[in-house]
Protein backbone atom coordinates (compact mmCIF):
# COMPACT_ATOMS: atom_id res chain seq x y z
CA MET A 1 138.49 139.90 100.40
CA THR A 2 138.56 136.26 101.60
CA SER A 3 138.37 133.09 99.52
CA SER A 4 134.67 132.79 100.39
CA GLU A 5 133.92 136.20 98.85
CA ILE A 6 133.63 137.28 95.24
CA ARG A 7 133.34 140.71 93.71
CA ILE A 8 130.89 141.18 90.87
CA ASN A 9 130.98 144.03 88.37
CA ALA A 10 127.80 144.11 86.30
CA ARG A 11 126.50 146.59 83.75
CA LEU A 12 122.74 147.02 83.54
CA THR A 13 121.14 149.01 80.74
CA GLY A 14 117.66 149.99 79.64
CA GLU A 15 114.77 148.29 81.43
CA ASP A 16 117.07 146.27 83.64
CA ALA A 17 118.76 149.42 84.95
CA ARG A 18 115.37 151.09 85.52
CA ARG A 19 114.02 148.06 87.41
CA PHE A 20 117.16 147.87 89.53
CA ARG A 21 117.00 151.54 90.52
CA GLU A 22 113.27 151.24 91.23
CA LEU A 23 113.84 148.27 93.55
CA GLN A 24 116.73 150.01 95.28
CA GLN A 25 114.57 153.06 96.02
CA ARG A 26 111.51 151.06 97.05
CA GLU A 27 113.44 148.67 99.28
CA GLY A 28 115.97 151.21 100.51
CA ALA A 29 118.65 148.62 99.85
CA SER A 30 122.22 148.88 98.68
CA ALA A 31 123.15 147.35 95.33
CA SER A 32 124.94 144.50 97.12
CA ASP A 33 121.97 143.75 99.38
CA LEU A 34 119.59 143.80 96.44
CA LEU A 35 121.79 141.43 94.41
CA ARG A 36 122.22 139.07 97.39
CA ASP A 37 118.45 138.91 97.91
CA ALA A 38 117.84 138.34 94.21
CA LEU A 39 120.45 135.56 94.10
CA ARG A 40 118.92 133.82 97.13
CA GLU A 41 115.43 133.94 95.59
CA TYR A 42 116.74 132.69 92.24
CA HIS A 43 118.66 129.89 93.92
CA ALA A 44 115.65 128.80 96.00
CA ALA A 45 113.47 128.69 92.88
CA ARG A 46 115.96 126.79 90.71
CA VAL A 47 117.94 124.44 92.92
CA ARG A 48 116.38 121.46 94.64
CA PRO A 49 117.83 120.70 98.05
CA ARG A 50 119.78 117.46 98.23
CA ALA A 51 118.12 114.74 100.23
CA ASP A 52 119.93 113.50 103.30
CA ALA A 53 120.91 109.89 102.51
CA ALA A 54 120.21 108.59 106.03
CA ARG A 55 116.78 110.21 106.12
CA LEU A 56 115.99 108.89 102.64
CA LEU A 57 116.98 105.35 103.65
CA ALA A 58 114.93 105.56 106.84
CA SER A 59 111.85 106.34 104.78
CA PHE A 60 112.28 103.05 102.86
CA VAL A 61 113.43 100.71 105.62
CA GLY A 62 110.35 99.30 107.27
CA ALA A 63 108.14 101.62 105.28
CA ALA A 64 105.49 98.95 104.70
CA GLY A 65 104.79 98.64 108.41
CA GLU A 66 102.88 95.41 107.79
CA GLY A 67 103.79 91.76 108.13
CA PRO A 68 104.94 89.36 110.80
CA ALA A 69 107.31 90.58 113.49
CA ASP A 70 109.83 87.84 112.61
CA LEU A 71 109.83 88.58 108.89
CA SER A 72 113.49 89.59 108.83
CA SER A 73 114.64 86.26 110.27
CA ARG A 74 112.09 83.94 108.59
CA TYR A 75 111.63 85.63 105.21
CA LYS A 76 112.62 82.45 103.31
CA ASP A 77 109.87 80.45 105.05
CA TYR A 78 107.29 83.11 104.25
CA LEU A 79 108.46 83.36 100.65
CA SER A 80 108.37 79.58 100.21
CA ASP A 81 104.84 79.41 101.62
CA ALA A 82 103.66 82.21 99.34
CA LEU A 83 105.21 80.62 96.26
CA GLU A 84 103.84 77.18 97.21
CA THR A 85 100.36 78.67 97.27
CA LYS A 86 100.79 80.20 93.82
CA LEU A 87 102.88 77.47 92.16
CA PRO A 88 102.54 74.08 93.89
CA LEU A 89 105.81 72.18 93.95
CA ARG A 90 104.12 68.77 94.12
CA VAL A 91 101.97 67.15 91.50
CA GLN A 92 98.72 66.13 93.10
CA ASP A 93 97.33 62.65 92.50
CA GLY A 94 93.79 62.54 91.42
CA ASP A 95 91.37 62.46 88.57
CA PRO A 96 92.65 64.74 85.77
CA THR A 97 89.11 65.46 84.58
């Protein structure tokens, strides 16, 4: 047995033993094959696959797909313009009424 193998000794009784024997006969599988298949199905149902960090990042970088082509180099200009529109930096002369 190698370090990547484990040996399992399990005792099944009652309904569990009946179900196991039934599956073995129906599938024509050895006990080991049946347990391996069951473990794989259980694992697939319970464990979420880990997301690949590079693929995850790629989905965020440039995800908007909108905006000027030079946004990365002139973002401060665009931000200043947008803020100026919302919150003028200069007090305007004129009639307060």
